[in-house]
Amino acid sequence: MRIVVFVLIGLAVLVLAVLAYAATRPATFSVERQLRIQASPEQLWPLVSELQGFNRWNPYARKDPQMRSHYSGPPTGVGSRYDWESSKVGTGSMTLTGQQPGRAVQLQLDFLKPFEGHNQAEFLLEPAPGGGSTVHWRMHGPANLIGRVMGLFIDMDRMVGRDFEDGLQNLKQIAEARA
């Protein structure tokens, strides 16, 4: 019986130590990837500023072709909204909250499942020297205690960053084929 008590106390101390350490981690996270694409910002604009255009290269939609999705609000511009539900990539919505035509798009990204999260995303288009564009895909948001604990074991930047890299490669294929 004593061994069980010591094991339980040891586990409790371990859990408290992990929680205490996680609490010292940053309260926000950020992920960014960029890629040079041989297409002008004007050519890329419909693929990043319109949610239906985004879904032509969205790496998460490609992970689950059975994803259920719905568009609402105006077809383009501030207020455009895309909702999705998927057994593979979760449930959530994306709402266009701001844009600077030909240059940047800001989005509110709300995840409901498998974990709730409320983040901001942005696509930034910069003309590249010698032609083409550099496309930046950024996401940032708060990291609650559960997220910080998960971050001790899962590298969010690497996990989400790979998806961003895949998405930017998809965008490159589509944009350069059109250019």
Protein backbone atom coordinates (compact mmCIF):
# COMPACT_ATOMS: atom_id res chain seq x y z
CA MET A 1 0.00 0.00 0.00
CA ARG A 2 2.85 2.38 0.78
CA ILE A 3 4.29 1.95 -2.70
CA VAL A 4 0.96 2.95 -4.27
CA VAL A 5 0.85 6.11 -2.13
CA PHE A 6 4.43 7.02 -3.10
CA VAL A 7 3.68 6.39 -6.79
CA LEU A 8 0.55 8.55 -6.61
CA ILE A 9 2.42 11.33 -4.81
CA GLY A 10 5.21 11.08 -7.39
CA LEU A 11 2.72 11.34 -10.26
CA ALA A 12 1.01 14.33 -8.63
CA VAL A 13 4.36 16.08 -8.21
CA LEU A 14 5.25 15.32 -11.84
CA VAL A 15 1.91 16.69 -13.11
CA LEU A 16 2.29 19.83 -10.98
CA ALA A 17 5.86 20.32 -12.23
CA VAL A 18 4.72 20.03 -15.87
CA LEU A 19 1.87 22.49 -15.27
CA ALA A 20 4.18 24.92 -13.47
CA TYR A 21 6.75 24.77 -16.26
CA ALA A 22 4.06 25.15 -18.95
CA ALA A 23 2.74 28.22 -17.14
CA THR A 24 6.13 29.90 -17.70
CA ARG A 25 5.91 29.41 -21.49
CA PRO A 26 4.78 32.30 -23.75
CA ALA A 27 1.07 33.10 -23.63
CA THR A 28 0.97 33.53 -27.43
CA PHE A 29 2.16 31.56 -30.43
CA SER A 30 3.00 32.46 -33.98
CA VAL A 31 3.70 30.50 -37.14
CA GLU A 32 4.90 31.93 -40.44
CA ARG A 33 6.09 30.53 -43.72
CA GLN A 34 6.92 32.29 -46.97
CA LEU A 35 7.57 31.29 -50.55
CA ARG A 36 8.60 33.09 -53.71
CA ILE A 37 6.15 32.54 -56.56
CA GLN A 38 6.59 33.58 -60.17
CA ALA A 39 3.33 35.51 -60.33
CA SER A 40 2.55 39.14 -59.59
CA PRO A 41 0.62 40.18 -56.47
CA GLU A 42 -2.28 41.06 -58.79
CA GLN A 43 -2.30 37.52 -60.21
CA LEU A 44 -2.16 36.01 -56.73
CA TRP A 45 -4.79 38.31 -55.24
CA PRO A 46 -7.92 36.26 -56.15
CA LEU A 47 -6.30 33.13 -54.72
CA VAL A 48 -5.66 34.69 -51.30
CA SER A 49 -8.40 37.31 -50.97
CA GLU A 50 -11.39 35.16 -51.95
CA LEU A 51 -12.17 32.22 -49.68
CA GLN A 52 -13.24 30.05 -52.62
CA GLY A 53 -9.94 30.89 -54.30
CA PHE A 54 -8.09 30.02 -51.08
CA ASN A 55 -9.81 26.63 -51.00
CA ARG A 56 -8.29 25.75 -54.36
CA TRP A 57 -4.93 25.47 -52.59
CA ASN A 58 -5.92 25.04 -48.93
CA PRO A 59 -3.80 22.14 -47.60
CA TYR A 60 -6.42 21.25 -44.98
CA ALA A 61 -9.20 20.87 -47.56
CA ARG A 62 -6.89 18.58 -49.53
CA LYS A 63 -6.38 16.40 -46.44
CA ASP A 64 -10.10 15.64 -46.35
CA PRO A 65 -11.94 15.64 -49.68
CA GLN A 66 -15.12 14.71 -47.74
CA MET A 67 -14.98 17.95 -45.73
CA ARG A 68 -18.34 19.67 -45.46
CA SER A 69 -18.06 23.39 -46.12
CA HIS A 70 -20.30 26.41 -46.39
CA TYR A 71 -19.69 29.98 -47.57
CA SER A 72 -21.68 32.93 -46.24
CA GLY A 73 -21.58 36.69 -46.30
CA PRO A 74 -20.38 38.58 -49.35
CA PRO A 75 -18.51 36.46 -51.92
CA THR A 76 -15.44 38.70 -51.58
CA GLY A 77 -14.14 41.29 -49.16
CA VAL A 78 -14.60 41.93 -45.48
CA GLY A 79 -17.30 39.73 -43.98
CA SER A 80 -16.75 36.77 -46.32
CA ARG A 81 -16.97 33.61 -44.26
CA TYR A 82 -16.10 29.97 -44.72
CA ASP A 83 -17.22 27.26 -42.28
CA TRP A 84 -15.96 23.68 -42.37
CA GLU A 85 -16.61 20.41 -40.62
CA SER A 86 -14.31 17.44 -41.00
CA SER A 87 -13.58 14.26 -39.11
CA LYS A 88 -9.92 14.59 -40.18
CA VAL A 89 -9.11 18.30 -39.73
CA GLY A 90 -11.74 19.45 -37.25
CA THR A 91 -14.50 22.03 -37.27
CA GLY A 92 -14.20 25.79 -37.52
CA SER A 93 -14.62 28.97 -39.50
CA MET A 94 -12.58 31.62 -41.24
CA THR A 95 -13.84 35.19 -41.66
CA LEU A 96 -12.15 37.87 -43.74
CA THR A 97 -11.67 40.84 -41.39
CA GLY A 98 -9.48 43.18 -43.40
CA GLN A 99 -7.68 43.63 -46.66
CA GLN A 100 -5.34 45.94 -48.46
CA PRO A 101 -6.01 45.11 -52.14
CA GLY A 102 -3.10 43.49 -53.91
CA ARG A 103 -1.07 43.44 -50.69
CA ALA A 104 -2.60 41.77 -47.61
CA VAL A 105 -5.59 39.87 -46.25
CA GLN A 106 -6.43 39.47 -42.56
CA LEU A 107 -8.62 36.65 -41.27
CA GLN A 108 -10.23 35.57 -38.01
CA LEU A 109 -9.71 31.83 -37.65
CA ASP A 110 -11.94 30.05 -35.14
CA PHE A 111 -11.46 26.38 -34.36
CA LEU A 112 -14.19 24.52 -32.48
CA LYS A 113 -12.96 20.91 -32.73
CA PRO A 114 -10.83 19.04 -31.88
CA PHE A 115 -9.69 21.97 -29.66
CA GLU A 116 -11.20 25.41 -29.35
CA GLY A 117 -8.95 28.20 -30.52
CA HIS A 118 -9.35 31.76 -31.79
CA ASN A 119 -6.48 33.02 -33.91
CA GLN A 120 -5.63 35.59 -36.53
CA ALA A 121 -4.19 34.69 -39.91
CA GLU A 122 -2.75 36.87 -42.65
CA PHE A 123 -1.57 36.54 -46.22
CA LEU A 124 0.94 39.16 -47.27
CA LEU A 125 2.01 39.64 -50.90
CA GLU A 126 5.28 41.44 -51.65
CA PRO A 127 6.66 42.09 -55.13
CA ALA A 128 9.97 40.24 -55.39
CA PRO A 129 13.07 41.79 -56.97
CA GLY A 130 13.38 40.52 -60.53
CA GLY A 131 9.69 39.60 -60.79
CA GLY A 132 7.22 37.41 -59.03
CA SER A 133 6.08 37.76 -55.43
CA THR A 134 6.95 36.58 -51.99
CA VAL A 135 3.86 35.24 -50.24
CA HIS A 136 3.82 35.18 -46.43
CA TRP A 137 1.30 33.03 -44.56
CA ARG A 138 1.11 33.96 -40.87
CA MET A 139 -1.00 32.81 -37.96
CA HIS A 140 -0.85 33.93 -34.34
CA GLY A 141 -2.99 33.74 -31.27
CA PRO A 142 -3.22 33.08 -27.57
CA ALA A 143 -1.79 29.92 -26.02
CA ASN A 144 -3.89 28.84 -23.05
CA LEU A 145 -2.45 26.53 -20.40
CA ILE A 146 -3.57 23.38 -22.23
CA GLY A 147 -1.95 24.67 -25.41
CA ARG A 148 1.26 25.44 -23.54
CA VAL A 149 1.32 21.95 -22.02
CA MET A 150 0.78 20.44 -25.48
CA GLY A 151 3.57 22.68 -26.77
CA LEU A 152 5.98 20.93 -24.42
CA PHE A 153 5.45 17.71 -26.38
CA ILE A 154 4.34 18.89 -29.85
CA ASP A 155 6.20 21.54 -31.84
CA MET A 156 3.34 23.73 -33.10
CA ASP A 157 5.60 25.66 -35.47
CA ARG A 158 6.81 22.48 -37.13
CA MET A 159 3.37 20.82 -37.23
CA VAL A 160 1.41 23.80 -38.60
CA GLY A 161 4.43 25.08 -40.54
CA ARG A 162 4.50 21.92 -42.66
CA ASP A 163 0.87 22.49 -43.60
CA PHE A 164 1.64 26.12 -44.49
CA GLU A 165 4.56 24.95 -46.62
CA ASP A 166 2.33 22.43 -48.42
CA GLY A 167 -0.31 25.09 -48.97
CA LEU A 168 2.17 27.59 -50.37
CA GLN A 169 3.51 24.92 -52.74
CA ASN A 170 -0.09 24.25 -53.87
CA LEU A 171 -0.56 28.00 -54.40
CA LYS A 172 2.70 28.16 -56.38
CA GLN A 173 1.57 25.35 -58.71
CA ILE A 174 -1.78 26.97 -59.41
CA ALA A 175 -0.46 30.54 -59.72
CA GLU A 176 2.51 29.70 -61.94
CA ALA A 177 0.33 27.59 -64.23
CA ARG A 178 -1.97 30.63 -64.64
CA ALA A 179 0.81 33.24 -65.00
